[in-house]
Amino acid sequence: MRPERMQKLKVAANLGQNPGLEYLQECWDDDPALQIVIKKLLVKFPQWGIAIVDGVLMKWND
């Protein structure tokens, strides 16, 4: 499961396409290694409007 998710996150990083909060949350909950990738994505793409607050992903404009 991790290789497929990692690939999708890499594509998102290369294209700047937001994979969606639900998908990111699913990856975040399932795999600590993917949390590192997601943190880097959120720093790179603040326009996605997703933040990490107390270890939880959420829309920052909500």
PDB file of N, CA and C in Angstrom:
ATOM      1  N   MET A   1       0.836  -1.194   0.000  1.00  0.00           N
ATOM      2  CA  MET A   1       0.000   0.000   0.000  1.00  0.00           C
ATOM      3  C   MET A   1       0.881   1.258   0.000  1.00  0.00           C
ATOM      4  N   ARG A   2       1.963   1.239   0.764  1.00  0.00           N
ATOM      5  CA  ARG A   2       2.810   2.425   0.848  1.00  0.00           C
ATOM      6  C   ARG A   2       3.370   2.842  -0.509  1.00  0.00           C
ATOM      7  N   PRO A   3       3.873   1.917  -1.340  1.00  0.00           N
ATOM      8  CA  PRO A   3       4.438   2.372  -2.631  1.00  0.00           C
ATOM      9  C   PRO A   3       3.426   3.114  -3.502  1.00  0.00           C
ATOM     10  N   GLU A   4       2.185   2.649  -3.524  1.00  0.00           N
ATOM     11  CA  GLU A   4       1.168   3.320  -4.330  1.00  0.00           C
ATOM     12  C   GLU A   4       0.861   4.713  -3.778  1.00  0.00           C
ATOM     13  N   ARG A   5       0.754   4.801  -2.488  1.00  0.00           N
ATOM     14  CA  ARG A   5       0.469   6.103  -1.867  1.00  0.00           C
ATOM     15  C   ARG A   5       1.645   7.056  -2.039  1.00  0.00           C
ATOM     16  N   MET A   6       2.851   6.515  -1.868  1.00  0.00           N
ATOM     17  CA  MET A   6       4.042   7.346  -2.035  1.00  0.00           C
ATOM     18  C   MET A   6       4.101   7.887  -3.465  1.00  0.00           C
ATOM     19  N   GLN A   7       3.784   7.044  -4.427  1.00  0.00           N
ATOM     20  CA  GLN A   7       3.806   7.471  -5.829  1.00  0.00           C
ATOM     21  C   GLN A   7       2.782   8.580  -6.073  1.00  0.00           C
ATOM     22  N   LYS A   8       1.588   8.420  -5.528  1.00  0.00           N
ATOM     23  CA  LYS A   8       0.552   9.441  -5.718  1.00  0.00           C
ATOM     24  C   LYS A   8       0.973  10.769  -5.075  1.00  0.00           C
ATOM     25  N   LEU A   9       1.612  10.697  -3.926  1.00  0.00           N
ATOM     26  CA  LEU A   9       2.076  11.917  -3.263  1.00  0.00           C
ATOM     27  C   LEU A   9       3.218  12.564  -4.049  1.00  0.00           C
ATOM     28  N   LYS A  10       4.090  11.751  -4.652  1.00  0.00           N
ATOM     29  CA  LYS A  10       5.168  12.291  -5.480  1.00  0.00           C
ATOM     30  C   LYS A  10       4.614  12.995  -6.705  1.00  0.00           C
ATOM     31  N   VAL A  11       3.590  12.409  -7.317  1.00  0.00           N
ATOM     32  CA  VAL A  11       2.947  13.039  -8.473  1.00  0.00           C
ATOM     33  C   VAL A  11       2.329  14.365  -8.043  1.00  0.00           C
ATOM     34  N   ALA A  12       1.682  14.382  -6.896  1.00  0.00           N
ATOM     35  CA  ALA A  12       1.089  15.616  -6.376  1.00  0.00           C
ATOM     36  C   ALA A  12       2.163  16.677  -6.184  1.00  0.00           C
ATOM     37  N   ALA A  13       3.326  16.262  -5.672  1.00  0.00           N
ATOM     38  CA  ALA A  13       4.424  17.210  -5.449  1.00  0.00           C
ATOM     39  C   ALA A  13       4.950  17.758  -6.765  1.00  0.00           C
ATOM     40  N   ASN A  14       5.050  16.911  -7.766  1.00  0.00           N
ATOM     41  CA  ASN A  14       5.593  17.340  -9.056  1.00  0.00           C
ATOM     42  C   ASN A  14       4.636  18.228  -9.831  1.00  0.00           C
ATOM     43  N   LEU A  15       3.351  17.936  -9.723  1.00  0.00           N
ATOM     44  CA  LEU A  15       2.360  18.673 -10.498  1.00  0.00           C
ATOM     45  C   LEU A  15       1.683  19.789  -9.698  1.00  0.00           C
ATOM     46  N   GLY A  16       1.826  19.751  -8.391  1.00  0.00           N
ATOM     47  CA  GLY A  16       1.175  20.749  -7.552  1.00  0.00           C
ATOM     48  C   GLY A  16      -0.311  20.532  -7.420  1.00  0.00           C
ATOM     49  N   GLN A  17      -0.752  19.297  -7.686  1.00  0.00           N
ATOM     50  CA  GLN A  17      -2.177  18.995  -7.607  1.00  0.00           C
ATOM     51  C   GLN A  17      -2.512  18.449  -6.222  1.00  0.00           C
ATOM     52  N   ASN A  18      -3.478  19.071  -5.606  1.00  0.00           N
ATOM     53  CA  ASN A  18      -3.925  18.669  -4.282  1.00  0.00           C
ATOM     54  C   ASN A  18      -4.652  17.325  -4.381  1.00  0.00           C
ATOM     55  N   PRO A  19      -4.160  16.283  -3.696  1.00  0.00           N
ATOM     56  CA  PRO A  19      -4.843  14.987  -3.735  1.00  0.00           C
ATOM     57  C   PRO A  19      -6.104  14.956  -2.876  1.00  0.00           C
ATOM     58  N   GLY A  20      -6.328  16.004  -2.112  1.00  0.00           N
ATOM     59  CA  GLY A  20      -7.532  16.089  -1.290  1.00  0.00           C
ATOM     60  C   GLY A  20      -7.259  15.792   0.174  1.00  0.00           C
ATOM     61  N   LEU A  21      -7.974  16.478   1.018  1.00  0.00           N
ATOM     62  CA  LEU A  21      -7.796  16.326   2.459  1.00  0.00           C
ATOM     63  C   LEU A  21      -8.086  14.892   2.909  1.00  0.00           C
ATOM     64  N   GLU A  22      -9.130  14.277   2.373  1.00  0.00           N
ATOM     65  CA  GLU A  22      -9.487  12.920   2.800  1.00  0.00           C
ATOM     66  C   GLU A  22      -8.369  11.935   2.488  1.00  0.00           C
ATOM     67  N   TYR A  23      -7.799  12.043   1.285  1.00  0.00           N
ATOM     68  CA  TYR A  23      -6.707  11.147   0.903  1.00  0.00           C
ATOM     69  C   TYR A  23      -5.484  11.393   1.781  1.00  0.00           C
ATOM     70  N   LEU A  24      -5.136  12.655   1.988  1.00  0.00           N
ATOM     71  CA  LEU A  24      -3.993  12.971   2.834  1.00  0.00           C
ATOM     72  C   LEU A  24      -4.218  12.469   4.256  1.00  0.00           C
ATOM     73  N   GLN A  25      -5.427  12.610   4.756  1.00  0.00           N
ATOM     74  CA  GLN A  25      -5.744  12.148   6.112  1.00  0.00           C
ATOM     75  C   GLN A  25      -5.608  10.633   6.211  1.00  0.00           C
ATOM     76  N   GLU A  26      -6.065   9.933   5.194  1.00  0.00           N
ATOM     77  CA  GLU A  26      -5.954   8.477   5.163  1.00  0.00           C
ATOM     78  C   GLU A  26      -4.478   8.048   5.214  1.00  0.00           C
ATOM     79  N   CYS A  27      -3.654   8.689   4.400  1.00  0.00           N
ATOM     80  CA  CYS A  27      -2.219   8.385   4.391  1.00  0.00           C
ATOM     81  C   CYS A  27      -1.591   8.740   5.734  1.00  0.00           C
ATOM     82  N   TRP A  28      -1.971   9.889   6.269  1.00  0.00           N
ATOM     83  CA  TRP A  28      -1.444  10.385   7.540  1.00  0.00           C
ATOM     84  C   TRP A  28      -1.718   9.387   8.663  1.00  0.00           C
ATOM     85  N   ASP A  29      -2.931   8.869   8.706  1.00  0.00           N
ATOM     86  CA  ASP A  29      -3.334   7.955   9.780  1.00  0.00           C
ATOM     87  C   ASP A  29      -2.685   6.588   9.654  1.00  0.00           C
ATOM     88  N   ASP A  30      -2.407   6.143   8.422  1.00  0.00           N
ATOM     89  CA  ASP A  30      -1.929   4.783   8.193  1.00  0.00           C
ATOM     90  C   ASP A  30      -0.424   4.600   8.286  1.00  0.00           C
ATOM     91  N   ASP A  31       0.352   5.650   8.027  1.00  0.00           N
ATOM     92  CA  ASP A  31       1.786   5.427   7.871  1.00  0.00           C
ATOM     93  C   ASP A  31       2.610   6.636   8.332  1.00  0.00           C
ATOM     94  N   PRO A  32       3.369   6.475   9.404  1.00  0.00           N
ATOM     95  CA  PRO A  32       4.201   7.587   9.891  1.00  0.00           C
ATOM     96  C   PRO A  32       5.225   8.071   8.862  1.00  0.00           C
ATOM     97  N   ALA A  33       5.702   7.188   7.999  1.00  0.00           N
ATOM     98  CA  ALA A  33       6.665   7.609   6.973  1.00  0.00           C
ATOM     99  C   ALA A  33       6.011   8.574   5.987  1.00  0.00           C
ATOM    100  N   LEU A  34       4.758   8.359   5.694  1.00  0.00           N
ATOM    101  CA  LEU A  34       4.044   9.243   4.782  1.00  0.00           C
ATOM    102  C   LEU A  34       3.763  10.595   5.437  1.00  0.00           C
ATOM    103  N   GLN A  35       3.722  10.638   6.745  1.00  0.00           N
ATOM    104  CA  GLN A  35       3.520  11.913   7.440  1.00  0.00           C
ATOM    105  C   GLN A  35       4.629  12.895   7.095  1.00  0.00           C
ATOM    106  N   ILE A  36       5.839  12.394   6.969  1.00  0.00           N
ATOM    107  CA  ILE A  36       6.972  13.255   6.611  1.00  0.00           C
ATOM    108  C   ILE A  36       6.768  13.839   5.226  1.00  0.00           C
ATOM    109  N   VAL A  37       6.341  13.001   4.293  1.00  0.00           N
ATOM    110  CA  VAL A  37       6.100  13.448   2.922  1.00  0.00           C
ATOM    111  C   VAL A  37       4.977  14.485   2.891  1.00  0.00           C
ATOM    112  N   ILE A  38       3.922  14.220   3.644  1.00  0.00           N
ATOM    113  CA  ILE A  38       2.772  15.127   3.677  1.00  0.00           C
ATOM    114  C   ILE A  38       3.177  16.472   4.287  1.00  0.00           C
ATOM    115  N   LYS A  39       3.974  16.458   5.333  1.00  0.00           N
ATOM    116  CA  LYS A  39       4.439  17.713   5.937  1.00  0.00           C
ATOM    117  C   LYS A  39       5.187  18.558   4.912  1.00  0.00           C
ATOM    118  N   LYS A  40       6.057  17.918   4.139  1.00  0.00           N
ATOM    119  CA  LYS A  40       6.819  18.634   3.114  1.00  0.00           C
ATOM    120  C   LYS A  40       5.895  19.189   2.031  1.00  0.00           C
ATOM    121  N   LEU A  41       4.889  18.413   1.652  1.00  0.00           N
ATOM    122  CA  LEU A  41       3.925  18.880   0.649  1.00  0.00           C
ATOM    123  C   LEU A  41       3.179  20.117   1.128  1.00  0.00           C
ATOM    124  N   LEU A  42       2.759  20.096   2.381  1.00  0.00           N
ATOM    125  CA  LEU A  42       1.975  21.212   2.907  1.00  0.00           C
ATOM    126  C   LEU A  42       2.807  22.480   3.035  1.00  0.00           C
ATOM    127  N   VAL A  43       4.103  22.322   3.272  1.00  0.00           N
ATOM    128  CA  VAL A  43       4.996  23.490   3.292  1.00  0.00           C
ATOM    129  C   VAL A  43       5.179  24.019   1.877  1.00  0.00           C
ATOM    130  N   LYS A  44       5.314  23.106   0.926  1.00  0.00           N
ATOM    131  CA  LYS A  44       5.548  23.488  -0.470  1.00  0.00           C
ATOM    132  C   LYS A  44       4.309  24.113  -1.114  1.00  0.00           C
ATOM    133  N   PHE A  45       3.123  23.665  -0.692  1.00  0.00           N
ATOM    134  CA  PHE A  45       1.880  24.117  -1.308  1.00  0.00           C
ATOM    135  C   PHE A  45       0.894  24.670  -0.267  1.00  0.00           C
ATOM    136  N   PRO A  46       1.210  25.817   0.322  1.00  0.00           N
ATOM    137  CA  PRO A  46       0.283  26.391   1.312  1.00  0.00           C
ATOM    138  C   PRO A  46      -1.053  26.784   0.697  1.00  0.00           C
ATOM    139  N   GLN A  47      -1.082  26.972  -0.624  1.00  0.00           N
ATOM    140  CA  GLN A  47      -2.328  27.349  -1.289  1.00  0.00           C
ATOM    141  C   GLN A  47      -3.387  26.245  -1.213  1.00  0.00           C
ATOM    142  N   TRP A  48      -2.994  25.049  -0.836  1.00  0.00           N
ATOM    143  CA  TRP A  48      -3.969  23.976  -0.664  1.00  0.00           C
ATOM    144  C   TRP A  48      -4.866  24.247   0.536  1.00  0.00           C
ATOM    145  N   GLY A  49      -4.416  25.077   1.462  1.00  0.00           N
ATOM    146  CA  GLY A  49      -5.238  25.435   2.614  1.00  0.00           C
ATOM    147  C   GLY A  49      -5.371  24.331   3.642  1.00  0.00           C
ATOM    148  N   ILE A  50      -4.352  23.475   3.744  1.00  0.00           N
ATOM    149  CA  ILE A  50      -4.374  22.382   4.718  1.00  0.00           C
ATOM    150  C   ILE A  50      -3.236  22.614   5.701  1.00  0.00           C
ATOM    151  N   ALA A  51      -3.543  22.466   6.984  1.00  0.00           N
ATOM    152  CA  ALA A  51      -2.552  22.680   8.026  1.00  0.00           C
ATOM    153  C   ALA A  51      -2.533  21.486   8.973  1.00  0.00           C
ATOM    154  N   ILE A  52      -1.448  21.383   9.724  1.00  0.00           N
ATOM    155  CA  ILE A  52      -1.323  20.361  10.760  1.00  0.00           C
ATOM    156  C   ILE A  52      -1.444  21.078  12.098  1.00  0.00           C
ATOM    157  N   VAL A  53      -2.465  20.713  12.848  1.00  0.00           N
ATOM    158  CA  VAL A  53      -2.696  21.329  14.160  1.00  0.00           C
ATOM    159  C   VAL A  53      -2.756  20.209  15.192  1.00  0.00           C
ATOM    160  N   ASP A  54      -1.815  20.235  16.113  1.00  0.00           N
ATOM    161  CA  ASP A  54      -1.729  19.198  17.153  1.00  0.00           C
ATOM    162  C   ASP A  54      -1.746  17.794  16.553  1.00  0.00           C
ATOM    163  N   GLY A  55      -1.021  17.613  15.464  1.00  0.00           N
ATOM    164  CA  GLY A  55      -0.905  16.298  14.835  1.00  0.00           C
ATOM    165  C   GLY A  55      -2.103  15.871  14.008  1.00  0.00           C
ATOM    166  N   VAL A  56      -2.998  16.803  13.728  1.00  0.00           N
ATOM    167  CA  VAL A  56      -4.206  16.503  12.956  1.00  0.00           C
ATOM    168  C   VAL A  56      -4.237  17.387  11.714  1.00  0.00           C
ATOM    169  N   LEU A  57      -4.557  16.796  10.573  1.00  0.00           N
ATOM    170  CA  LEU A  57      -4.708  17.575   9.345  1.00  0.00           C
ATOM    171  C   LEU A  57      -6.075  18.229   9.326  1.00  0.00           C
ATOM    172  N   MET A  58      -6.111  19.498   8.911  1.00  0.00           N
ATOM    173  CA  MET A  58      -7.394  20.171   8.789  1.00  0.00           C
ATOM    174  C   MET A  58      -7.293  21.321   7.793  1.00  0.00           C
ATOM    175  N   LYS A  59      -8.420  21.693   7.267  1.00  0.00           N
ATOM    176  CA  LYS A  59      -8.488  22.880   6.402  1.00  0.00           C
ATOM    177  C   LYS A  59      -8.269  24.081   7.300  1.00  0.00           C
ATOM    178  N   TRP A  60      -7.322  24.937   6.938  1.00  0.00           N
ATOM    179  CA  TRP A  60      -7.035  26.089   7.799  1.00  0.00           C
ATOM    180  C   TRP A  60      -8.023  27.212   7.605  1.00  0.00           C
ATOM    181  N   ASN A  61      -8.776  27.184   6.525  1.00  0.00           N
ATOM    182  CA  ASN A  61      -9.745  28.256   6.306  1.00  0.00           C
ATOM    183  C   ASN A  61     -11.124  27.917   6.821  1.00  0.00           C
ATOM    184  N   ASP A  62     -11.260  26.782   7.532  1.00  0.00           N
ATOM    185  CA  ASP A  62     -12.565  26.414   8.113  1.00  0.00           C
ATOM    186  C   ASP A  62     -12.761  27.101   9.442  1.00  0.00           C
TER     187      ASP A  62
END
